[in-house]
């Protein structure tokens, strides 16, 4: 499948953005490894993809005492089943700066025995997701899951 741009609506403050779809990220492997989901689609805003691909994009500059950049991120997850749609949104500042606290939290839980499985597993399979995300609340915010129904066609 080739990458194709289209317009998508994201939660505030992101709003309507042009996104690329039809390319693969880790989610297409990790999500179905522990959930019965027949299809995973991933998208990235064209602005973010352009910055990642451009050879002259400057490295992020620290803007706070934690050394984080001023860049922000939104991870918008929508799950559909029939006419039911559930959405949860995580957002924060400097997605790369969350890597270390995320890894440390995972190691803590493994050493403390707070895992659901052992061996090779995705984070979603290994840990209680809401509890894990709550432990990272100093670094990101997660909106509560919202459920809606698709409008019925006449």
N, C-alpha and C. Protein backbone atom coordinates (compact mmCIF):
# COMPACT_ATOMS: atom_id res chain seq x y z
N UNK A 1 0.85 -1.17 0.00
CA UNK A 1 0.00 0.00 0.00
C UNK A 1 0.90 1.24 0.00
N UNK A 2 0.52 2.25 -0.72
CA UNK A 2 1.32 3.47 -0.78
C UNK A 2 0.77 4.51 0.17
N UNK A 3 1.65 5.41 0.59
CA UNK A 3 1.22 6.50 1.46
C UNK A 3 0.36 7.46 0.65
N UNK A 4 -0.73 7.88 1.22
CA UNK A 4 -1.61 8.81 0.53
C UNK A 4 -2.09 9.86 1.52
N UNK A 5 -2.03 11.14 1.14
CA UNK A 5 -2.50 12.19 2.04
C UNK A 5 -4.02 12.31 2.02
N UNK A 6 -4.59 12.62 3.16
CA UNK A 6 -6.00 12.96 3.26
C UNK A 6 -6.18 13.79 4.51
N UNK A 7 -7.33 14.37 4.68
CA UNK A 7 -7.58 15.27 5.80
C UNK A 7 -8.29 14.52 6.91
N UNK A 8 -7.80 14.68 8.13
CA UNK A 8 -8.40 14.02 9.28
C UNK A 8 -8.65 15.01 10.40
N UNK A 9 -9.65 14.72 11.22
CA UNK A 9 -10.00 15.60 12.34
C UNK A 9 -9.45 15.01 13.62
N UNK A 10 -8.65 15.80 14.32
CA UNK A 10 -8.04 15.40 15.58
C UNK A 10 -8.62 16.23 16.72
N UNK A 11 -8.48 15.76 17.94
CA UNK A 11 -8.97 16.53 19.09
C UNK A 11 -8.23 17.86 19.20
N UNK A 12 -8.87 18.83 19.87
CA UNK A 12 -8.26 20.14 20.12
C UNK A 12 -7.00 19.93 20.95
N UNK A 13 -5.98 20.68 20.75
CA UNK A 13 -5.90 21.86 19.88
C UNK A 13 -5.43 21.54 18.47
N UNK A 14 -5.23 20.26 18.14
CA UNK A 14 -4.71 19.90 16.82
C UNK A 14 -5.67 20.25 15.70
N UNK A 15 -6.92 19.81 15.81
CA UNK A 15 -7.93 20.13 14.80
C UNK A 15 -7.71 19.38 13.50
N UNK A 16 -8.22 19.95 12.41
CA UNK A 16 -8.12 19.31 11.09
C UNK A 16 -6.70 19.42 10.55
N UNK A 17 -6.14 18.27 10.14
CA UNK A 17 -4.78 18.20 9.60
C UNK A 17 -4.75 17.27 8.41
N UNK A 18 -3.82 17.52 7.52
CA UNK A 18 -3.55 16.58 6.44
C UNK A 18 -2.65 15.49 7.01
N UNK A 19 -3.02 14.25 6.75
CA UNK A 19 -2.28 13.11 7.29
C UNK A 19 -1.87 12.17 6.17
N UNK A 20 -0.87 11.35 6.47
CA UNK A 20 -0.46 10.27 5.59
C UNK A 20 -0.96 8.97 6.17
N UNK A 21 -1.56 8.16 5.34
CA UNK A 21 -2.01 6.84 5.75
C UNK A 21 -1.42 5.81 4.82
N UNK A 22 -1.56 4.57 5.16
CA UNK A 22 -1.08 3.51 4.29
C UNK A 22 0.39 3.19 4.47
N UNK A 23 0.96 3.56 5.58
CA UNK A 23 2.33 3.16 5.89
C UNK A 23 2.30 2.44 7.23
N UNK A 24 3.34 1.72 7.53
CA UNK A 24 3.33 0.86 8.70
C UNK A 24 4.15 1.45 9.84
N UNK A 25 3.58 1.40 11.04
CA UNK A 25 4.30 1.73 12.27
C UNK A 25 4.19 0.50 13.17
N UNK A 26 4.84 0.53 14.30
CA UNK A 26 4.89 -0.63 15.20
C UNK A 26 3.51 -1.10 15.65
N UNK A 27 2.55 -0.21 15.70
CA UNK A 27 1.21 -0.56 16.19
C UNK A 27 0.57 -1.72 15.42
N UNK A 28 0.86 -1.84 14.13
CA UNK A 28 0.25 -2.91 13.34
C UNK A 28 0.72 -4.29 13.78
N UNK A 29 1.83 -4.35 14.50
CA UNK A 29 2.33 -5.61 15.03
C UNK A 29 1.98 -5.76 16.50
N UNK A 30 2.19 -4.70 17.29
CA UNK A 30 2.02 -4.83 18.73
C UNK A 30 0.56 -4.93 19.16
N UNK A 31 -0.33 -4.18 18.56
CA UNK A 31 -1.74 -4.20 18.99
C UNK A 31 -2.37 -5.57 18.75
N UNK A 32 -2.29 -6.14 17.53
CA UNK A 32 -2.92 -7.45 17.34
C UNK A 32 -2.20 -8.60 18.05
N UNK A 33 -1.03 -8.34 18.64
CA UNK A 33 -0.34 -9.43 19.34
C UNK A 33 -1.07 -9.82 20.62
N UNK A 34 -1.91 -8.92 21.15
CA UNK A 34 -2.62 -9.27 22.39
C UNK A 34 -4.10 -8.92 22.37
N UNK A 35 -4.57 -8.31 21.29
CA UNK A 35 -5.99 -8.00 21.15
C UNK A 35 -6.51 -8.58 19.84
N UNK A 36 -7.77 -9.02 19.84
CA UNK A 36 -8.36 -9.58 18.63
C UNK A 36 -8.87 -8.43 17.77
N UNK A 37 -7.97 -7.83 17.02
CA UNK A 37 -8.29 -6.68 16.16
C UNK A 37 -7.90 -7.06 14.74
N UNK A 38 -8.89 -7.09 13.83
CA UNK A 38 -8.58 -7.55 12.47
C UNK A 38 -7.79 -6.57 11.61
N UNK A 39 -7.84 -5.29 11.94
CA UNK A 39 -7.15 -4.30 11.11
C UNK A 39 -6.68 -3.12 11.95
N UNK A 40 -5.45 -2.72 11.75
CA UNK A 40 -4.89 -1.56 12.43
C UNK A 40 -4.41 -0.60 11.34
N UNK A 41 -4.89 0.63 11.40
CA UNK A 41 -4.46 1.65 10.45
C UNK A 41 -3.73 2.74 11.23
N UNK A 42 -2.62 3.19 10.70
CA UNK A 42 -1.85 4.24 11.36
C UNK A 42 -1.71 5.43 10.43
N UNK A 43 -1.68 6.62 11.04
CA UNK A 43 -1.59 7.87 10.28
C UNK A 43 -0.62 8.80 10.98
N UNK A 44 0.00 9.67 10.22
CA UNK A 44 0.87 10.70 10.76
C UNK A 44 0.59 11.99 10.01
N UNK A 45 0.58 13.12 10.73
CA UNK A 45 0.35 14.38 10.03
C UNK A 45 1.48 14.61 9.03
N UNK A 46 1.14 15.23 7.92
CA UNK A 46 2.17 15.50 6.91
C UNK A 46 3.22 16.46 7.44
N UNK A 47 2.85 17.36 8.35
CA UNK A 47 3.83 18.27 8.96
C UNK A 47 4.89 17.48 9.71
N UNK A 48 4.47 16.52 10.53
CA UNK A 48 5.43 15.71 11.29
C UNK A 48 6.28 14.86 10.36
N UNK A 49 5.67 14.25 9.36
CA UNK A 49 6.43 13.43 8.41
C UNK A 49 7.45 14.27 7.65
N UNK A 50 7.06 15.47 7.26
CA UNK A 50 7.97 16.37 6.54
C UNK A 50 9.17 16.71 7.41
N UNK A 51 8.93 17.02 8.69
CA UNK A 51 10.03 17.35 9.61
C UNK A 51 10.97 16.16 9.80
N UNK A 52 10.41 14.96 9.89
CA UNK A 52 11.24 13.77 10.07
C UNK A 52 12.09 13.48 8.83
N UNK A 53 11.54 13.75 7.65
CA UNK A 53 12.23 13.41 6.41
C UNK A 53 13.21 14.48 5.93
N UNK A 54 13.02 15.72 6.36
CA UNK A 54 13.85 16.81 5.85
C UNK A 54 15.26 16.74 6.42
N UNK A 55 16.27 16.76 5.57
CA UNK A 55 17.65 16.69 6.06
C UNK A 55 18.08 17.95 6.80
N UNK A 56 17.38 19.06 6.58
CA UNK A 56 17.78 20.32 7.21
C UNK A 56 16.92 20.68 8.43
N UNK A 57 16.09 19.75 8.91
CA UNK A 57 15.31 20.02 10.11
C UNK A 57 16.27 20.10 11.29
N UNK A 58 16.26 21.22 12.01
CA UNK A 58 17.20 21.33 13.13
C UNK A 58 16.80 20.40 14.28
N UNK A 59 17.77 19.99 15.07
CA UNK A 59 17.42 19.16 16.23
C UNK A 59 16.60 19.99 17.22
N UNK A 60 15.75 19.33 17.99
CA UNK A 60 14.95 20.07 18.97
C UNK A 60 15.83 20.75 20.01
N UNK A 61 15.41 21.93 20.43
CA UNK A 61 16.13 22.69 21.45
C UNK A 61 15.38 22.59 22.78
N UNK A 62 16.12 22.42 23.86
CA UNK A 62 15.51 22.35 25.19
C UNK A 62 14.86 23.68 25.54
N UNK A 63 13.65 23.59 26.13
CA UNK A 63 12.94 24.81 26.52
C UNK A 63 12.52 24.81 27.99
N UNK A 64 12.82 23.73 28.72
CA UNK A 64 12.43 23.70 30.13
C UNK A 64 13.53 23.04 30.97
N UNK A 65 13.31 23.00 32.27
CA UNK A 65 14.31 22.48 33.20
C UNK A 65 14.54 20.98 33.06
N UNK A 66 13.61 20.26 32.43
CA UNK A 66 13.77 18.83 32.19
C UNK A 66 14.54 18.57 30.89
N UNK A 67 14.84 19.61 30.14
CA UNK A 67 15.55 19.45 28.87
C UNK A 67 14.65 19.08 27.71
N UNK A 68 13.33 19.21 27.89
CA UNK A 68 12.40 18.86 26.83
C UNK A 68 12.32 19.96 25.78
N UNK A 69 12.02 19.56 24.56
CA UNK A 69 11.81 20.52 23.49
C UNK A 69 10.39 21.09 23.61
N UNK A 70 10.12 22.10 22.84
CA UNK A 70 8.79 22.71 22.83
C UNK A 70 7.80 21.95 21.96
N UNK A 71 8.26 20.89 21.31
CA UNK A 71 7.37 20.12 20.45
C UNK A 71 6.30 19.42 21.28
N UNK A 72 5.12 19.33 20.72
CA UNK A 72 4.03 18.63 21.39
C UNK A 72 3.60 17.45 20.52
N UNK A 73 2.89 16.52 21.12
CA UNK A 73 2.40 15.36 20.38
C UNK A 73 1.00 15.00 20.84
N UNK A 74 0.28 14.35 19.94
CA UNK A 74 -1.03 13.80 20.23
C UNK A 74 -1.09 12.41 19.62
N UNK A 75 -1.45 11.44 20.43
CA UNK A 75 -1.69 10.09 19.95
C UNK A 75 -3.19 9.86 20.12
N UNK A 76 -3.88 9.79 19.00
CA UNK A 76 -5.34 9.69 18.97
C UNK A 76 -5.70 8.28 18.53
N UNK A 77 -6.34 7.51 19.41
CA UNK A 77 -6.68 6.13 19.12
C UNK A 77 -8.19 6.00 19.01
N UNK A 78 -8.64 5.49 17.88
CA UNK A 78 -10.06 5.27 17.65
C UNK A 78 -10.25 3.78 17.35
N UNK A 79 -11.16 3.15 18.09
CA UNK A 79 -11.48 1.74 17.88
C UNK A 79 -12.94 1.67 17.47
N UNK A 80 -13.19 0.98 16.37
CA UNK A 80 -14.56 0.84 15.87
C UNK A 80 -14.96 -0.64 15.87
N UNK A 81 -16.20 -0.87 16.28
CA UNK A 81 -16.79 -2.19 16.19
C UNK A 81 -18.26 -1.98 15.87
N UNK A 82 -18.67 -2.39 14.68
CA UNK A 82 -20.04 -2.12 14.25
C UNK A 82 -20.27 -0.62 14.21
N UNK A 83 -21.33 -0.16 14.87
CA UNK A 83 -21.60 1.28 14.88
C UNK A 83 -21.08 1.97 16.16
N UNK A 84 -20.33 1.23 16.99
CA UNK A 84 -19.75 1.80 18.21
C UNK A 84 -18.32 2.25 17.95
N UNK A 85 -18.02 3.43 18.45
CA UNK A 85 -16.68 3.99 18.28
C UNK A 85 -16.18 4.43 19.65
N UNK A 86 -14.98 4.00 20.01
CA UNK A 86 -14.35 4.44 21.26
C UNK A 86 -13.07 5.18 20.92
N UNK A 87 -12.82 6.28 21.63
CA UNK A 87 -11.66 7.11 21.35
C UNK A 87 -10.97 7.47 22.66
N UNK A 88 -9.63 7.37 22.64
CA UNK A 88 -8.82 7.82 23.77
C UNK A 88 -7.65 8.60 23.19
N UNK A 89 -7.26 9.66 23.89
CA UNK A 89 -6.22 10.56 23.37
C UNK A 89 -5.16 10.75 24.44
N UNK A 90 -3.90 10.57 24.05
CA UNK A 90 -2.76 10.88 24.92
C UNK A 90 -2.00 12.03 24.27
N UNK A 91 -1.54 12.96 25.08
CA UNK A 91 -0.79 14.10 24.53
C UNK A 91 0.23 14.56 25.55
N UNK A 92 1.18 15.31 25.05
CA UNK A 92 2.21 15.82 25.94
C UNK A 92 3.24 16.64 25.18
N UNK A 93 4.33 16.85 25.84
CA UNK A 93 5.43 17.66 25.30
C UNK A 93 6.63 16.76 25.07
N UNK A 94 7.20 16.85 23.87
CA UNK A 94 8.43 16.15 23.51
C UNK A 94 8.30 14.64 23.67
N UNK A 95 7.74 14.01 22.66
CA UNK A 95 7.49 12.56 22.71
C UNK A 95 8.77 11.76 22.95
N UNK A 96 9.91 12.26 22.48
CA UNK A 96 11.16 11.53 22.70
C UNK A 96 11.60 11.58 24.17
N UNK A 97 11.26 12.64 24.87
CA UNK A 97 11.63 12.76 26.29
C UNK A 97 10.83 11.80 27.17
N UNK A 98 9.79 11.21 26.64
CA UNK A 98 9.00 10.24 27.41
C UNK A 98 9.62 8.85 27.34
N UNK A 99 10.53 8.65 26.40
CA UNK A 99 11.13 7.32 26.22
C UNK A 99 11.81 6.81 27.49
N UNK A 100 12.61 7.62 28.12
CA UNK A 100 13.33 7.17 29.33
C UNK A 100 12.38 6.87 30.49
N UNK A 101 11.44 7.79 30.85
CA UNK A 101 10.51 7.45 31.93
C UNK A 101 9.67 6.22 31.62
N UNK A 102 9.30 6.04 30.36
CA UNK A 102 8.53 4.87 29.97
C UNK A 102 9.35 3.59 30.17
N UNK A 103 10.60 3.61 29.75
CA UNK A 103 11.46 2.44 29.92
C UNK A 103 11.71 2.14 31.40
N UNK A 104 11.94 3.18 32.20
CA UNK A 104 12.17 2.99 33.63
C UNK A 104 10.93 2.40 34.30
N UNK A 105 9.75 2.90 33.95
CA UNK A 105 8.52 2.36 34.53
C UNK A 105 8.34 0.90 34.15
N UNK A 106 8.64 0.55 32.92
CA UNK A 106 8.52 -0.85 32.48
C UNK A 106 9.48 -1.73 33.28
N UNK A 107 10.71 -1.31 33.44
CA UNK A 107 11.69 -2.10 34.20
C UNK A 107 11.26 -2.23 35.65
N UNK A 108 10.77 -1.15 36.25
CA UNK A 108 10.27 -1.23 37.65
C UNK A 108 9.21 -2.32 37.78
N UNK A 109 8.26 -2.30 36.85
CA UNK A 109 7.17 -3.26 36.93
C UNK A 109 7.64 -4.69 36.70
N UNK A 110 8.59 -4.87 35.82
CA UNK A 110 9.14 -6.20 35.59
C UNK A 110 9.86 -6.69 36.85
N UNK A 111 10.69 -5.84 37.45
CA UNK A 111 11.43 -6.22 38.66
C UNK A 111 10.51 -6.45 39.85
N UNK A 112 9.41 -5.68 39.93
CA UNK A 112 8.44 -5.83 41.02
C UNK A 112 7.46 -6.98 40.79
N UNK A 113 7.51 -7.60 39.61
CA UNK A 113 6.58 -8.68 39.30
C UNK A 113 5.20 -8.21 38.91
N UNK A 114 5.07 -6.94 38.54
CA UNK A 114 3.76 -6.41 38.15
C UNK A 114 3.56 -6.55 36.64
N UNK A 115 3.55 -7.79 36.18
CA UNK A 115 3.36 -8.08 34.77
C UNK A 115 2.22 -9.07 34.60
N UNK A 116 1.62 -9.05 33.43
CA UNK A 116 0.54 -9.98 33.11
C UNK A 116 1.05 -11.23 32.42
N UNK A 117 2.25 -11.13 31.86
CA UNK A 117 2.85 -12.24 31.12
C UNK A 117 4.36 -12.12 31.21
N UNK A 118 5.06 -13.08 30.71
CA UNK A 118 6.51 -13.01 30.68
C UNK A 118 6.99 -13.34 29.27
N UNK A 119 8.26 -13.14 29.04
CA UNK A 119 8.83 -13.39 27.72
C UNK A 119 8.67 -12.19 26.82
N UNK A 120 8.72 -12.44 25.53
CA UNK A 120 8.58 -11.36 24.56
C UNK A 120 7.11 -10.99 24.45
N UNK A 121 6.80 -9.73 24.76
CA UNK A 121 5.41 -9.26 24.74
C UNK A 121 5.39 -7.76 24.54
N UNK A 122 4.30 -7.26 23.99
CA UNK A 122 4.14 -5.82 23.85
C UNK A 122 3.82 -5.23 25.22
N UNK A 123 4.02 -3.94 25.35
CA UNK A 123 3.72 -3.27 26.63
C UNK A 123 2.25 -3.42 26.98
N UNK A 124 1.37 -3.33 25.99
CA UNK A 124 -0.06 -3.47 26.24
C UNK A 124 -0.44 -4.85 26.74
N UNK A 125 0.30 -5.85 26.33
CA UNK A 125 0.06 -7.21 26.79
C UNK A 125 0.66 -7.45 28.17
N UNK A 126 1.79 -6.83 28.43
CA UNK A 126 2.53 -7.09 29.65
C UNK A 126 1.98 -6.33 30.87
N UNK A 127 1.50 -5.11 30.65
CA UNK A 127 1.11 -4.26 31.78
C UNK A 127 -0.36 -3.84 31.70
N UNK A 128 -0.91 -3.48 32.83
CA UNK A 128 -2.24 -2.90 32.89
C UNK A 128 -2.14 -1.49 32.28
N UNK A 129 -2.71 -1.29 31.10
CA UNK A 129 -2.53 -0.04 30.35
C UNK A 129 -2.95 1.21 31.11
N UNK A 130 -4.16 1.27 31.68
CA UNK A 130 -4.54 2.50 32.39
C UNK A 130 -3.60 2.82 33.56
N UNK A 131 -3.23 1.79 34.31
CA UNK A 131 -2.32 2.00 35.44
C UNK A 131 -0.94 2.44 34.97
N UNK A 132 -0.46 1.85 33.89
CA UNK A 132 0.85 2.20 33.34
C UNK A 132 0.84 3.67 32.87
N UNK A 133 -0.19 4.05 32.13
CA UNK A 133 -0.28 5.44 31.65
C UNK A 133 -0.42 6.42 32.81
N UNK A 134 -1.15 6.03 33.84
CA UNK A 134 -1.28 6.89 35.02
C UNK A 134 0.08 7.12 35.67
N UNK A 135 0.91 6.10 35.69
CA UNK A 135 2.26 6.23 36.27
C UNK A 135 3.11 7.23 35.49
N UNK A 136 2.77 7.48 34.23
CA UNK A 136 3.50 8.43 33.39
C UNK A 136 2.82 9.80 33.34
N UNK A 137 1.88 10.05 34.26
CA UNK A 137 1.08 11.28 34.20
C UNK A 137 1.91 12.57 34.35
N UNK A 138 3.11 12.48 34.88
CA UNK A 138 3.97 13.68 34.95
C UNK A 138 4.51 14.04 33.57
N UNK A 139 4.39 13.12 32.61
CA UNK A 139 4.97 13.32 31.29
C UNK A 139 3.94 13.39 30.17
N UNK A 140 2.74 12.90 30.42
CA UNK A 140 1.71 12.95 29.39
C UNK A 140 0.34 12.98 30.05
N UNK A 141 -0.64 13.42 29.29
CA UNK A 141 -2.01 13.39 29.80
C UNK A 141 -2.83 12.48 28.91
N UNK A 142 -3.77 11.79 29.53
CA UNK A 142 -4.64 10.87 28.80
C UNK A 142 -6.08 11.26 29.11
N UNK A 143 -6.83 11.55 28.05
CA UNK A 143 -8.25 11.85 28.21
C UNK A 143 -9.00 10.54 28.45
N UNK A 144 -10.04 10.58 29.26
CA UNK A 144 -10.82 9.37 29.46
C UNK A 144 -11.41 8.88 28.13
N UNK A 145 -11.60 7.58 28.02
CA UNK A 145 -12.18 6.99 26.82
C UNK A 145 -13.60 7.51 26.63
N UNK A 146 -13.89 7.91 25.39
CA UNK A 146 -15.24 8.37 25.04
C UNK A 146 -15.84 7.39 24.05
N UNK A 147 -17.12 7.12 24.23
CA UNK A 147 -17.80 6.20 23.31
C UNK A 147 -18.88 6.96 22.56
N UNK A 148 -19.05 6.64 21.28
CA UNK A 148 -20.10 7.26 20.48
C UNK A 148 -20.63 6.23 19.51
N UNK A 149 -21.75 6.56 18.90
CA UNK A 149 -22.37 5.68 17.90
C UNK A 149 -22.33 6.39 16.55
N UNK A 150 -22.08 5.61 15.51
CA UNK A 150 -22.07 6.17 14.16
C UNK A 150 -23.52 6.47 13.75
N UNK A 151 -23.67 7.54 13.00
CA UNK A 151 -25.00 7.89 12.50
C UNK A 151 -25.45 6.81 11.52
N UNK A 152 -26.71 6.45 11.60
CA UNK A 152 -27.25 5.42 10.70
C UNK A 152 -27.65 6.05 9.38
N UNK A 153 -27.35 5.33 8.30
CA UNK A 153 -27.73 5.80 6.96
C UNK A 153 -29.17 5.44 6.68
N UNK A 154 -29.83 6.29 5.93
CA UNK A 154 -31.25 6.02 5.60
C UNK A 154 -31.36 5.15 4.37
